[in-house]
Amino acid sequence: RPGLQGQGVGRTIMARAEETAVARWGVTAMEMTVL
């Protein structure tokens, strides 16, 4: 949410996403595409 950006919400989501991907699928890397 724009008004909450810069307050650590994104860092928390990203960390949880990385943990989830490793725990659920046993992956060794995360990838994305960005403009």
PDB file of all heavy atoms in Angstrom:
ATOM      1  N   ARG A   1       0.864  -1.195   0.000  1.00  0.00           N
ATOM      2  CA  ARG A   1       0.000   0.000   0.000  1.00  0.00           C
ATOM      3  C   ARG A   1       0.901   1.246   0.000  1.00  0.00           C
ATOM      4  O   ARG A   1       1.826   1.338   0.822  1.00  0.00           O
ATOM      5  CB  ARG A   1      -0.901  -0.042   1.233  1.00  0.00           C
ATOM      6  CG  ARG A   1      -1.961   1.035   1.254  1.00  0.00           C
ATOM      7  CD  ARG A   1      -2.925   0.819   2.404  1.00  0.00           C
ATOM      8  NE  ARG A   1      -3.720  -0.386   2.244  1.00  0.00           N
ATOM      9  CZ  ARG A   1      -4.817  -0.485   1.484  1.00  0.00           C
ATOM     10  NH1 ARG A   1      -5.249   0.569   0.823  1.00  0.00           N
ATOM     11  NH2 ARG A   1      -5.476  -1.612   1.401  1.00  0.00           N
ATOM     12  N   PRO A   2       0.674   2.188  -0.928  1.00  0.00           N
ATOM     13  CA  PRO A   2       1.583   3.334  -1.083  1.00  0.00           C
ATOM     14  C   PRO A   2       1.906   4.096   0.201  1.00  0.00           C
ATOM     15  O   PRO A   2       3.059   4.438   0.433  1.00  0.00           O
ATOM     16  CB  PRO A   2       0.865   4.221  -2.098  1.00  0.00           C
ATOM     17  CG  PRO A   2       0.111   3.243  -2.942  1.00  0.00           C
ATOM     18  CD  PRO A   2      -0.360   2.193  -1.969  1.00  0.00           C
ATOM     19  N   GLY A   3       0.950   4.346   1.055  1.00  0.00           N
ATOM     20  CA  GLY A   3       1.199   5.091   2.283  1.00  0.00           C
ATOM     21  C   GLY A   3       2.056   4.354   3.291  1.00  0.00           C
ATOM     22  O   GLY A   3       2.554   4.952   4.243  1.00  0.00           O
ATOM     23  N   LEU A   4       2.255   3.049   3.075  1.00  0.00           N
ATOM     24  CA  LEU A   4       3.064   2.241   3.994  1.00  0.00           C
ATOM     25  C   LEU A   4       4.439   1.903   3.424  1.00  0.00           C
ATOM     26  O   LEU A   4       5.247   1.268   4.104  1.00  0.00           O
ATOM     27  CB  LEU A   4       2.322   0.949   4.343  1.00  0.00           C
ATOM     28  CG  LEU A   4       0.995   1.124   5.077  1.00  0.00           C
ATOM     29  CD1 LEU A   4       0.309  -0.218   5.264  1.00  0.00           C
ATOM     30  CD2 LEU A   4       1.210   1.818   6.411  1.00  0.00           C
ATOM     31  N   GLN A   5       4.702   2.302   2.196  1.00  0.00           N
ATOM     32  CA  GLN A   5       5.994   2.006   1.588  1.00  0.00           C
ATOM     33  C   GLN A   5       7.096   2.753   2.348  1.00  0.00           C
ATOM     34  O   GLN A   5       6.896   3.857   2.827  1.00  0.00           O
ATOM     35  CB  GLN A   5       5.986   2.392   0.110  1.00  0.00           C
ATOM     36  CG  GLN A   5       5.078   1.495  -0.700  1.00  0.00           C
ATOM     37  CD  GLN A   5       4.949   1.918  -2.147  1.00  0.00           C
ATOM     38  OE1 GLN A   5       5.711   2.742  -2.646  1.00  0.00           O
ATOM     39  NE2 GLN A   5       3.978   1.337  -2.833  1.00  0.00           N
ATOM     40  N   GLY A   6       8.240   2.097   2.474  1.00  0.00           N
ATOM     41  CA  GLY A   6       9.359   2.686   3.191  1.00  0.00           C
ATOM     42  C   GLY A   6       9.319   2.427   4.683  1.00  0.00           C
ATOM     43  O   GLY A   6      10.128   2.973   5.435  1.00  0.00           O
ATOM     44  N   GLN A   7       8.384   1.572   5.144  1.00  0.00           N
ATOM     45  CA  GLN A   7       8.251   1.290   6.574  1.00  0.00           C
ATOM     46  C   GLN A   7       8.582  -0.162   6.924  1.00  0.00           C
ATOM     47  O   GLN A   7       8.280  -0.624   8.008  1.00  0.00           O
ATOM     48  CB  GLN A   7       6.838   1.627   7.038  1.00  0.00           C
ATOM     49  CG  GLN A   7       6.511   3.098   6.887  1.00  0.00           C
ATOM     50  CD  GLN A   7       5.103   3.422   7.352  1.00  0.00           C
ATOM     51  OE1 GLN A   7       4.534   2.745   8.183  1.00  0.00           O
ATOM     52  NE2 GLN A   7       4.542   4.480   6.799  1.00  0.00           N
ATOM     53  N   GLY A   8       9.183  -0.895   5.996  1.00  0.00           N
ATOM     54  CA  GLY A   8       9.595  -2.260   6.286  1.00  0.00           C
ATOM     55  C   GLY A   8       8.618  -3.344   5.874  1.00  0.00           C
ATOM     56  O   GLY A   8       8.927  -4.532   5.982  1.00  0.00           O
ATOM     57  N   VAL A   9       7.439  -2.970   5.403  1.00  0.00           N
ATOM     58  CA  VAL A   9       6.444  -3.959   4.998  1.00  0.00           C
ATOM     59  C   VAL A   9       6.973  -4.795   3.834  1.00  0.00           C
ATOM     60  O   VAL A   9       6.892  -6.023   3.840  1.00  0.00           O
ATOM     61  CB  VAL A   9       5.100  -3.285   4.629  1.00  0.00           C
ATOM     62  CG1 VAL A   9       4.105  -4.314   4.094  1.00  0.00           C
ATOM     63  CG2 VAL A   9       4.518  -2.536   5.822  1.00  0.00           C
ATOM     64  N   GLY A  10       7.540  -4.148   2.843  1.00  0.00           N
ATOM     65  CA  GLY A  10       8.073  -4.852   1.679  1.00  0.00           C
ATOM     66  C   GLY A  10       9.208  -5.796   2.035  1.00  0.00           C
ATOM     67  O   GLY A  10       9.257  -6.932   1.549  1.00  0.00           O
ATOM     68  N   ARG A  11      10.117  -5.347   2.891  1.00  0.00           N
ATOM     69  CA  ARG A  11      11.220  -6.210   3.333  1.00  0.00           C
ATOM     70  C   ARG A  11      10.690  -7.458   4.031  1.00  0.00           C
ATOM     71  O   ARG A  11      11.187  -8.565   3.821  1.00  0.00           O
ATOM     72  CB  ARG A  11      12.155  -5.450   4.282  1.00  0.00           C
ATOM     73  CG  ARG A  11      13.131  -4.547   3.579  1.00  0.00           C
ATOM     74  CD  ARG A  11      14.159  -3.989   4.551  1.00  0.00           C
ATOM     75  NE  ARG A  11      13.563  -3.150   5.598  1.00  0.00           N
ATOM     76  CZ  ARG A  11      13.345  -1.854   5.474  1.00  0.00           C
ATOM     77  NH1 ARG A  11      13.683  -1.226   4.366  1.00  0.00           N
ATOM     78  NH2 ARG A  11      12.807  -1.164   6.457  1.00  0.00           N
ATOM     79  N   THR A  12       9.657  -7.281   4.853  1.00  0.00           N
ATOM     80  CA  THR A  12       9.060  -8.407   5.566  1.00  0.00           C
ATOM     81  C   THR A  12       8.408  -9.385   4.595  1.00  0.00           C
ATOM     82  O   THR A  12       8.599 -10.604   4.717  1.00  0.00           O
ATOM     83  CB  THR A  12       8.030  -7.898   6.596  1.00  0.00           C
ATOM     84  OG1 THR A  12       8.699  -7.045   7.525  1.00  0.00           O
ATOM     85  CG2 THR A  12       7.361  -9.038   7.321  1.00  0.00           C
ATOM     86  N   ILE A  13       7.660  -8.862   3.637  1.00  0.00           N
ATOM     87  CA  ILE A  13       7.001  -9.727   2.648  1.00  0.00           C
ATOM     88  C   ILE A  13       8.044 -10.491   1.842  1.00  0.00           C
ATOM     89  O   ILE A  13       7.917 -11.694   1.623  1.00  0.00           O
ATOM     90  CB  ILE A  13       6.081  -8.899   1.726  1.00  0.00           C
ATOM     91  CG1 ILE A  13       4.892  -8.367   2.529  1.00  0.00           C
ATOM     92  CG2 ILE A  13       5.616  -9.726   0.523  1.00  0.00           C
ATOM     93  CD1 ILE A  13       4.050  -7.350   1.778  1.00  0.00           C
ATOM     94  N   MET A  14       9.076  -9.803   1.399  1.00  0.00           N
ATOM     95  CA  MET A  14      10.108 -10.452   0.594  1.00  0.00           C
ATOM     96  C   MET A  14      10.814 -11.550   1.388  1.00  0.00           C
ATOM     97  O   MET A  14      11.030 -12.654   0.870  1.00  0.00           O
ATOM     98  CB  MET A  14      11.110  -9.431   0.081  1.00  0.00           C
ATOM     99  CG  MET A  14      12.213 -10.053  -0.752  1.00  0.00           C
ATOM    100  SD  MET A  14      13.176  -8.815  -1.597  1.00  0.00           S
ATOM    101  CE  MET A  14      12.158  -8.647  -3.049  1.00  0.00           C
ATOM    102  N   ALA A  15      11.157 -11.282   2.628  1.00  0.00           N
ATOM    103  CA  ALA A  15      11.822 -12.295   3.460  1.00  0.00           C
ATOM    104  C   ALA A  15      10.919 -13.506   3.642  1.00  0.00           C
ATOM    105  O   ALA A  15      11.367 -14.654   3.529  1.00  0.00           O
ATOM    106  CB  ALA A  15      12.211 -11.697   4.809  1.00  0.00           C
ATOM    107  N   ARG A  16       9.635 -13.287   3.908  1.00  0.00           N
ATOM    108  CA  ARG A  16       8.700 -14.398   4.078  1.00  0.00           C
ATOM    109  C   ARG A  16       8.535 -15.171   2.773  1.00  0.00           C
ATOM    110  O   ARG A  16       8.435 -16.395   2.774  1.00  0.00           O
ATOM    111  CB  ARG A  16       7.361 -13.874   4.574  1.00  0.00           C
ATOM    112  CG  ARG A  16       6.320 -14.964   4.799  1.00  0.00           C
ATOM    113  CD  ARG A  16       6.662 -15.915   5.963  1.00  0.00           C
ATOM    114  NE  ARG A  16       6.726 -15.244   7.225  1.00  0.00           N
ATOM    115  CZ  ARG A  16       5.674 -15.026   8.024  1.00  0.00           C
ATOM    116  NH1 ARG A  16       4.497 -15.469   7.679  1.00  0.00           N
ATOM    117  NH2 ARG A  16       5.827 -14.391   9.159  1.00  0.00           N
ATOM    118  N   ALA A  17       8.523 -14.463   1.656  1.00  0.00           N
ATOM    119  CA  ALA A  17       8.407 -15.127   0.350  1.00  0.00           C
ATOM    120  C   ALA A  17       9.604 -16.047   0.112  1.00  0.00           C
ATOM    121  O   ALA A  17       9.443 -17.186  -0.351  1.00  0.00           O
ATOM    122  CB  ALA A  17       8.297 -14.091  -0.763  1.00  0.00           C
ATOM    123  N   GLU A  18      10.800 -15.566   0.406  1.00  0.00           N
ATOM    124  CA  GLU A  18      12.006 -16.377   0.229  1.00  0.00           C
ATOM    125  C   GLU A  18      11.964 -17.608   1.128  1.00  0.00           C
ATOM    126  O   GLU A  18      12.246 -18.727   0.683  1.00  0.00           O
ATOM    127  CB  GLU A  18      13.248 -15.530   0.493  1.00  0.00           C
ATOM    128  CG  GLU A  18      13.454 -14.457  -0.565  1.00  0.00           C
ATOM    129  CD  GLU A  18      14.470 -13.395  -0.176  1.00  0.00           C
ATOM    130  OE1 GLU A  18      15.015 -13.452   0.951  1.00  0.00           O
ATOM    131  OE2 GLU A  18      14.715 -12.488  -0.996  1.00  0.00           O
ATOM    132  N   GLU A  19      11.586 -17.416   2.387  1.00  0.00           N
ATOM    133  CA  GLU A  19      11.471 -18.545   3.325  1.00  0.00           C
ATOM    134  C   GLU A  19      10.433 -19.554   2.840  1.00  0.00           C
ATOM    135  O   GLU A  19      10.656 -20.769   2.900  1.00  0.00           O
ATOM    136  CB  GLU A  19      11.064 -18.037   4.716  1.00  0.00           C
ATOM    137  CG  GLU A  19      12.105 -17.213   5.407  1.00  0.00           C
ATOM    138  CD  GLU A  19      11.541 -16.460   6.616  1.00  0.00           C
ATOM    139  OE1 GLU A  19      10.357 -16.691   6.994  1.00  0.00           O
ATOM    140  OE2 GLU A  19      12.278 -15.634   7.182  1.00  0.00           O
ATOM    141  N   THR A  20       9.305 -19.063   2.365  1.00  0.00           N
ATOM    142  CA  THR A  20       8.224 -19.927   1.884  1.00  0.00           C
ATOM    143  C   THR A  20       8.665 -20.730   0.671  1.00  0.00           C
ATOM    144  O   THR A  20       8.403 -21.939   0.591  1.00  0.00           O
ATOM    145  CB  THR A  20       6.976 -19.085   1.545  1.00  0.00           C
ATOM    146  OG1 THR A  20       6.538 -18.421   2.740  1.00  0.00           O
ATOM    147  CG2 THR A  20       5.851 -19.943   0.989  1.00  0.00           C
ATOM    148  N   ALA A  21       9.334 -20.093  -0.261  1.00  0.00           N
ATOM    149  CA  ALA A  21       9.778 -20.786  -1.480  1.00  0.00           C
ATOM    150  C   ALA A  21      10.763 -21.903  -1.152  1.00  0.00           C
ATOM    151  O   ALA A  21      10.687 -22.993  -1.726  1.00  0.00           O
ATOM    152  CB  ALA A  21      10.400 -19.787  -2.452  1.00  0.00           C
ATOM    153  N   VAL A  22      11.677 -21.649  -0.231  1.00  0.00           N
ATOM    154  CA  VAL A  22      12.648 -22.674   0.166  1.00  0.00           C
ATOM    155  C   VAL A  22      11.937 -23.807   0.903  1.00  0.00           C
ATOM    156  O   VAL A  22      12.141 -24.991   0.602  1.00  0.00           O
ATOM    157  CB  VAL A  22      13.784 -22.066   1.021  1.00  0.00           C
ATOM    158  CG1 VAL A  22      14.649 -23.151   1.631  1.00  0.00           C
ATOM    159  CG2 VAL A  22      14.636 -21.118   0.179  1.00  0.00           C
ATOM    160  N   ALA A  23      11.086 -23.469   1.867  1.00  0.00           N
ATOM    161  CA  ALA A  23      10.409 -24.494   2.665  1.00  0.00           C
ATOM    162  C   ALA A  23       9.432 -25.323   1.832  1.00  0.00           C
ATOM    163  O   ALA A  23       9.347 -26.541   1.996  1.00  0.00           O
ATOM    164  CB  ALA A  23       9.673 -23.835   3.833  1.00  0.00           C
ATOM    165  N   ARG A  24       8.706 -24.687   0.940  1.00  0.00           N
ATOM    166  CA  ARG A  24       7.668 -25.368   0.172  1.00  0.00           C
ATOM    167  C   ARG A  24       8.222 -26.169  -0.992  1.00  0.00           C
ATOM    168  O   ARG A  24       7.773 -27.271  -1.274  1.00  0.00           O
ATOM    169  CB  ARG A  24       6.659 -24.337  -0.316  1.00  0.00           C
ATOM    170  CG  ARG A  24       5.466 -24.922  -1.026  1.00  0.00           C
ATOM    171  CD  ARG A  24       4.456 -23.827  -1.358  1.00  0.00           C
ATOM    172  NE  ARG A  24       3.238 -24.398  -1.821  1.00  0.00           N
ATOM    173  CZ  ARG A  24       2.223 -24.795  -1.064  1.00  0.00           C
ATOM    174  NH1 ARG A  24       2.312 -24.665   0.231  1.00  0.00           N
ATOM    175  NH2 ARG A  24       1.135 -25.304  -1.592  1.00  0.00           N
ATOM    176  N   TRP A  25       9.184 -25.590  -1.712  1.00  0.00           N
ATOM    177  CA  TRP A  25       9.650 -26.201  -2.957  1.00  0.00           C
ATOM    178  C   TRP A  25      11.124 -26.603  -2.936  1.00  0.00           C
ATOM    179  O   TRP A  25      11.612 -27.204  -3.897  1.00  0.00           O
ATOM    180  CB  TRP A  25       9.393 -25.257  -4.129  1.00  0.00           C
ATOM    181  CG  TRP A  25       7.932 -24.951  -4.347  1.00  0.00           C
ATOM    182  CD1 TRP A  25       6.909 -25.855  -4.418  1.00  0.00           C
ATOM    183  CD2 TRP A  25       7.345 -23.668  -4.534  1.00  0.00           C
ATOM    184  NE1 TRP A  25       5.723 -25.203  -4.644  1.00  0.00           N
ATOM    185  CE2 TRP A  25       5.959 -23.854  -4.719  1.00  0.00           C
ATOM    186  CE3 TRP A  25       7.855 -22.372  -4.571  1.00  0.00           C
ATOM    187  CZ2 TRP A  25       5.074 -22.811  -4.938  1.00  0.00           C
ATOM    188  CZ3 TRP A  25       6.975 -21.321  -4.787  1.00  0.00           C
ATOM    189  CH2 TRP A  25       5.591 -21.546  -4.970  1.00  0.00           C
ATOM    190  N   GLY A  26      11.862 -26.225  -1.916  1.00  0.00           N
ATOM    191  CA  GLY A  26      13.275 -26.565  -1.849  1.00  0.00           C
ATOM    192  C   GLY A  26      14.117 -25.869  -2.909  1.00  0.00           C
ATOM    193  O   GLY A  26      15.160 -26.382  -3.308  1.00  0.00           O
ATOM    194  N   VAL A  27      13.698 -24.697  -3.346  1.00  0.00           N
ATOM    195  CA  VAL A  27      14.418 -23.984  -4.395  1.00  0.00           C
ATOM    196  C   VAL A  27      15.728 -23.416  -3.862  1.00  0.00           C
ATOM    197  O   VAL A  27      15.897 -23.221  -2.658  1.00  0.00           O
ATOM    198  CB  VAL A  27      13.556 -22.855  -5.010  1.00  0.00           C
ATOM    199  CG1 VAL A  27      12.292 -23.433  -5.643  1.00  0.00           C
ATOM    200  CG2 VAL A  27      13.205 -21.796  -3.987  1.00  0.00           C
ATOM    201  N   THR A  28      16.641 -23.142  -4.784  1.00  0.00           N
ATOM    202  CA  THR A  28      17.936 -22.586  -4.403  1.00  0.00           C
ATOM    203  C   THR A  28      18.092 -21.126  -4.813  1.00  0.00           C
ATOM    204  O   THR A  28      19.093 -20.497  -4.479  1.00  0.00           O
ATOM    205  CB  THR A  28      19.078 -23.397  -5.035  1.00  0.00           C
ATOM    206  OG1 THR A  28      18.912 -23.403  -6.457  1.00  0.00           O
ATOM    207  CG2 THR A  28      19.072 -24.827  -4.511  1.00  0.00           C
ATOM    208  N   ALA A  29      17.096 -20.601  -5.540  1.00  0.00           N
ATOM    209  CA  ALA A  29      17.183 -19.208  -5.974  1.00  0.00           C
ATOM    210  C   ALA A  29      15.788 -18.637  -6.211  1.00  0.00           C
ATOM    211  O   ALA A  29      14.836 -19.368  -6.477  1.00  0.00           O
ATOM    212  CB  ALA A  29      18.004 -19.095  -7.262  1.00  0.00           C
ATOM    213  N   MET A  30      15.702 -17.319  -6.091  1.00  0.00           N
ATOM    214  CA  MET A  30      14.488 -16.579  -6.412  1.00  0.00           C
ATOM    215  C   MET A  30      14.835 -15.682  -7.585  1.00  0.00           C
ATOM    216  O   MET A  30      15.923 -15.098  -7.628  1.00  0.00           O
ATOM    217  CB  MET A  30      14.056 -15.728  -5.219  1.00  0.00           C
ATOM    218  CG  MET A  30      12.762 -14.996  -5.423  1.00  0.00           C
ATOM    219  SD  MET A  30      11.331 -15.991  -5.000  1.00  0.00           S
ATOM    220  CE  MET A  30      11.321 -15.801  -3.236  1.00  0.00           C
ATOM    221  N   GLU A  31      13.919 -15.569  -8.543  1.00  0.00           N
ATOM    222  CA  GLU A  31      14.147 -14.693  -9.689  1.00  0.00           C
ATOM    223  C   GLU A  31      12.932 -13.819  -9.911  1.00  0.00           C
ATOM    224  O   GLU A  31      11.830 -14.125  -9.452  1.00  0.00           O
ATOM    225  CB  GLU A  31      14.471 -15.506 -10.935  1.00  0.00           C
ATOM    226  CG  GLU A  31      13.336 -16.376 -11.424  1.00  0.00           C
ATOM    227  CD  GLU A  31      13.710 -17.225 -12.630  1.00  0.00           C
ATOM    228  OE1 GLU A  31      14.851 -17.717 -12.690  1.00  0.00           O
ATOM    229  OE2 GLU A  31      12.855 -17.383 -13.500  1.00  0.00           O
ATOM    230  N   MET A  32      13.158 -12.728 -10.591  1.00  0.00           N
ATOM    231  CA  MET A  32      12.090 -11.787 -10.929  1.00  0.00           C
ATOM    232  C   MET A  32      12.504 -11.023 -12.164  1.00  0.00           C
ATOM    233  O   MET A  32      13.676 -11.051 -12.561  1.00  0.00           O
ATOM    234  CB  MET A  32      11.845 -10.817  -9.776  1.00  0.00           C
ATOM    235  CG  MET A  32      13.006  -9.853  -9.544  1.00  0.00           C
ATOM    236  SD  MET A  32      12.718  -8.656  -8.240  1.00  0.00           S
ATOM    237  CE  MET A  32      13.014  -9.642  -6.796  1.00  0.00           C
ATOM    238  N   THR A  33      11.546 -10.355 -12.768  1.00  0.00           N
ATOM    239  CA  THR A  33      11.860  -9.423 -13.849  1.00  0.00           C
ATOM    240  C   THR A  33      11.344  -8.054 -13.442  1.00  0.00           C
ATOM    241  O   THR A  33      10.268  -7.934 -12.844  1.00  0.00           O
ATOM    242  CB  THR A  33      11.244  -9.853 -15.196  1.00  0.00           C
ATOM    243  OG1 THR A  33       9.831  -9.994 -15.049  1.00  0.00           O
ATOM    244  CG2 THR A  33      11.852 -11.155 -15.684  1.00  0.00           C
ATOM    245  N   VAL A  34      12.128  -7.038 -13.724  1.00  0.00           N
ATOM    246  CA  VAL A  34      11.813  -5.662 -13.363  1.00  0.00           C
ATOM    247  C   VAL A  34      12.065  -4.789 -14.577  1.00  0.00           C
ATOM    248  O   VAL A  34      13.035  -5.014 -15.315  1.00  0.00           O
ATOM    249  CB  VAL A  34      12.711  -5.192 -12.190  1.00  0.00           C
ATOM    250  CG1 VAL A  34      12.388  -3.773 -11.780  1.00  0.00           C
ATOM    251  CG2 VAL A  34      12.589  -6.127 -11.005  1.00  0.00           C
ATOM    252  N   LEU A  35      11.197  -3.808 -14.788  1.00  0.00           N
ATOM    253  CA  LEU A  35      11.469  -2.864 -15.869  1.00  0.00           C
ATOM    254  C   LEU A  35      12.839  -2.234 -15.634  1.00  0.00           C
ATOM    255  O   LEU A  35      13.109  -1.680 -14.565  1.00  0.00           O
ATOM    256  CB  LEU A  35      10.395  -1.776 -15.929  1.00  0.00           C
ATOM    257  CG  LEU A  35       9.062  -2.193 -16.507  1.00  0.00           C
ATOM    258  CD1 LEU A  35       8.025  -1.088 -16.308  1.00  0.00           C
ATOM    259  CD2 LEU A  35       9.183  -2.537 -17.989  1.00  0.00           C
TER     260      LEU A  35
END
